[in-house]
Amino acid sequence: MTVHLIKLSVGVDDVDHLARIQAKRLADARRQGAAPELKHVTRHMPRRVDDVLDGGSIYWVIKGFIRARQRIVGLRRVNRDDGTPACALVLDPTLVRTERRSFRPFQGWRYLALERAPKDAPGGRRAEDEVPEKMAAELRQLGLL
């Protein structure tokens, strides 16, 4: 049964900022002669590997809201620079915007059940992405977004 992961994207301002960071990482890998694959290294390997690889995505929480996802195409055991074991989440480079949903801060990653995952945003972009976060929150409270 497919299961997703959810993770905070710390230090990222919006989906476009995340896309720029990831594009730079891919370009750096190409320049260094490494395989041009997008990886996010995390401390623990998910126990539900088969479920994650059965169509699972990583949902990114940016500034308190789930705002995008990326398909997870592989999970690989790696070692960090200091030799400690870790897990590389190999990601499809395509960022898919989702319907915005608030999410409380947490550490590490968490499983996200298929039925709890927000839907992809229609047309890939929502009007609320065009307004500042504080204003979007107020408009949502008023039922206008």
Protein backbone atom coordinates (compact mmCIF):
# COMPACT_ATOMS: atom_id res chain seq x y z
CA MET A 1 0.00 0.00 0.00
CA THR A 2 1.45 3.35 -1.05
CA VAL A 3 2.61 5.68 1.70
CA HIS A 4 4.17 9.13 1.44
CA LEU A 5 6.74 10.97 3.54
CA ILE A 6 6.44 14.53 4.82
CA LYS A 7 9.39 16.78 5.70
CA LEU A 8 9.99 20.39 6.67
CA SER A 9 11.93 22.38 4.10
CA VAL A 10 13.87 24.57 6.52
CA GLY A 11 15.26 27.87 5.24
CA VAL A 12 13.18 27.77 2.07
CA ASP A 13 10.91 30.74 1.29
CA ASP A 14 8.58 29.21 -1.31
CA VAL A 15 8.30 26.49 -3.95
CA ASP A 16 10.28 28.52 -6.50
CA HIS A 17 13.12 28.91 -3.98
CA LEU A 18 13.15 25.12 -3.40
CA ALA A 19 13.24 24.57 -7.18
CA ARG A 20 16.26 26.92 -7.52
CA ILE A 21 18.12 25.14 -4.71
CA GLN A 22 17.51 21.75 -6.26
CA ALA A 23 18.47 22.94 -9.76
CA LYS A 24 21.77 24.23 -8.35
CA ARG A 25 22.44 20.87 -6.67
CA LEU A 26 21.85 19.04 -9.95
CA ALA A 27 24.09 21.49 -11.83
CA ASP A 28 26.83 21.11 -9.19
CA ALA A 29 26.65 17.30 -9.49
CA ARG A 30 26.99 17.50 -13.28
CA ARG A 31 29.94 19.87 -12.98
CA GLN A 32 31.68 17.51 -10.56
CA GLY A 33 31.08 14.52 -12.83
CA ALA A 34 28.68 12.84 -10.40
CA ALA A 35 25.41 11.24 -11.39
CA PRO A 36 22.86 14.03 -11.91
CA GLU A 37 20.28 12.70 -9.49
CA LEU A 38 18.47 14.69 -6.89
CA LYS A 39 18.98 13.32 -3.38
CA HIS A 40 17.83 14.40 0.04
CA VAL A 41 19.91 12.79 2.78
CA THR A 42 18.17 12.02 6.04
CA ARG A 43 19.21 10.16 9.15
CA HIS A 44 16.91 7.14 9.08
CA MET A 45 15.84 4.70 6.38
CA PRO A 46 12.06 4.24 6.29
CA ARG A 47 11.01 0.80 7.49
CA ARG A 48 8.21 0.74 4.94
CA VAL A 49 10.55 0.85 1.95
CA ASP A 50 8.27 -1.12 -0.39
CA ASP A 51 5.28 1.10 0.45
CA VAL A 52 7.26 4.31 -0.13
CA LEU A 53 8.63 3.03 -3.45
CA ASP A 54 5.11 1.99 -4.54
CA GLY A 55 4.31 5.49 -5.87
CA GLY A 56 5.16 7.46 -2.72
CA SER A 57 6.17 11.11 -2.71
CA ILE A 58 7.86 13.44 -0.27
CA TYR A 59 5.58 16.32 0.69
CA TRP A 60 7.45 19.53 1.51
CA VAL A 61 6.26 21.77 4.36
CA ILE A 62 7.37 25.32 3.54
CA LYS A 63 6.73 28.15 6.01
CA GLY A 64 4.13 26.10 7.92
CA PHE A 65 2.22 24.78 4.90
CA ILE A 66 2.43 21.68 2.73
CA ARG A 67 2.99 23.29 -0.66
CA ALA A 68 4.68 20.80 -2.98
CA ARG A 69 5.62 17.18 -3.46
CA GLN A 70 8.18 15.14 -5.35
CA ARG A 71 7.97 11.48 -6.29
CA ILE A 72 10.47 9.26 -4.47
CA VAL A 73 12.19 7.06 -7.07
CA GLY A 74 14.73 5.36 -4.82
CA LEU A 75 16.01 4.86 -1.28
CA ARG A 76 19.67 4.18 -0.72
CA ARG A 77 21.85 3.60 2.33
CA VAL A 78 24.73 6.09 2.33
CA ASN A 79 27.33 7.45 4.73
CA ARG A 80 27.61 11.10 5.62
CA ASP A 81 30.96 12.88 5.31
CA ASP A 82 31.74 11.99 8.94
CA GLY A 83 31.02 8.29 8.29
CA THR A 84 27.68 8.07 10.07
CA PRO A 85 25.05 5.99 8.26
CA ALA A 86 22.16 7.77 6.59
CA CYS A 87 19.49 7.33 3.93
CA ALA A 88 19.40 9.11 0.57
CA LEU A 89 15.91 9.74 -0.73
CA VAL A 90 16.32 9.83 -4.50
CA LEU A 91 13.75 12.27 -5.89
CA ASP A 92 12.19 12.91 -9.25
CA PRO A 93 13.33 16.46 -10.09
CA THR A 94 9.77 17.55 -10.95
CA LEU A 95 8.22 19.61 -8.14
CA VAL A 96 4.43 19.31 -8.14
CA ARG A 97 2.55 22.08 -6.36
CA THR A 98 -0.18 20.89 -4.04
CA GLU A 99 -3.19 22.44 -2.44
CA ARG A 100 -1.84 24.38 0.50
CA ARG A 101 -2.49 22.84 3.91
CA SER A 102 -1.16 24.03 7.26
CA PHE A 103 1.11 21.65 9.13
CA ARG A 104 2.77 22.00 12.54
CA PRO A 105 6.55 21.89 12.90
CA PHE A 106 8.19 18.53 13.64
CA GLN A 107 11.66 17.00 13.46
CA GLY A 108 12.87 14.59 10.81
CA TRP A 109 10.35 13.08 8.44
CA ARG A 110 7.01 11.39 9.07
CA TYR A 111 4.83 8.98 7.15
CA LEU A 112 1.85 10.57 5.45
CA ALA A 113 -1.05 8.26 4.64
CA LEU A 114 -2.38 8.37 1.10
CA GLU A 115 -5.80 9.63 2.22
CA ARG A 116 -4.26 12.49 4.27
CA ALA A 117 -2.08 13.82 1.45
CA PRO A 118 -3.24 17.07 -0.15
CA LYS A 119 -4.29 16.94 -3.78
CA ASP A 120 -2.14 18.37 -6.54
CA ALA A 121 -2.99 22.01 -7.26
CA PRO A 122 -5.10 22.46 -10.39
CA GLY A 123 -2.99 23.93 -13.16
CA GLY A 124 0.11 23.60 -10.98
CA ARG A 125 -0.32 27.00 -9.33
CA ARG A 126 -2.90 28.59 -7.08
CA ALA A 127 -3.88 32.22 -6.70
CA GLU A 128 -2.75 32.11 -3.06
CA ASP A 129 0.83 31.47 -4.25
CA GLU A 130 0.78 34.99 -5.68
CA VAL A 131 -0.01 36.79 -2.41
CA PRO A 132 2.12 37.14 0.74
CA GLU A 133 1.66 34.35 3.29
CA LYS A 134 0.14 36.55 6.00
CA MET A 135 -2.44 37.96 3.58
CA ALA A 136 -3.23 34.46 2.23
CA ALA A 137 -3.85 33.24 5.80
CA GLU A 138 -6.27 36.11 6.46
CA LEU A 139 -8.08 35.51 3.16
CA ARG A 140 -8.41 31.78 4.00
CA GLN A 141 -9.90 32.69 7.40
CA LEU A 142 -12.46 34.86 5.62
CA GLY A 143 -13.24 31.99 3.25
CA LEU A 144 -11.96 33.89 0.22
CA LEU A 145 -9.16 31.43 -0.62
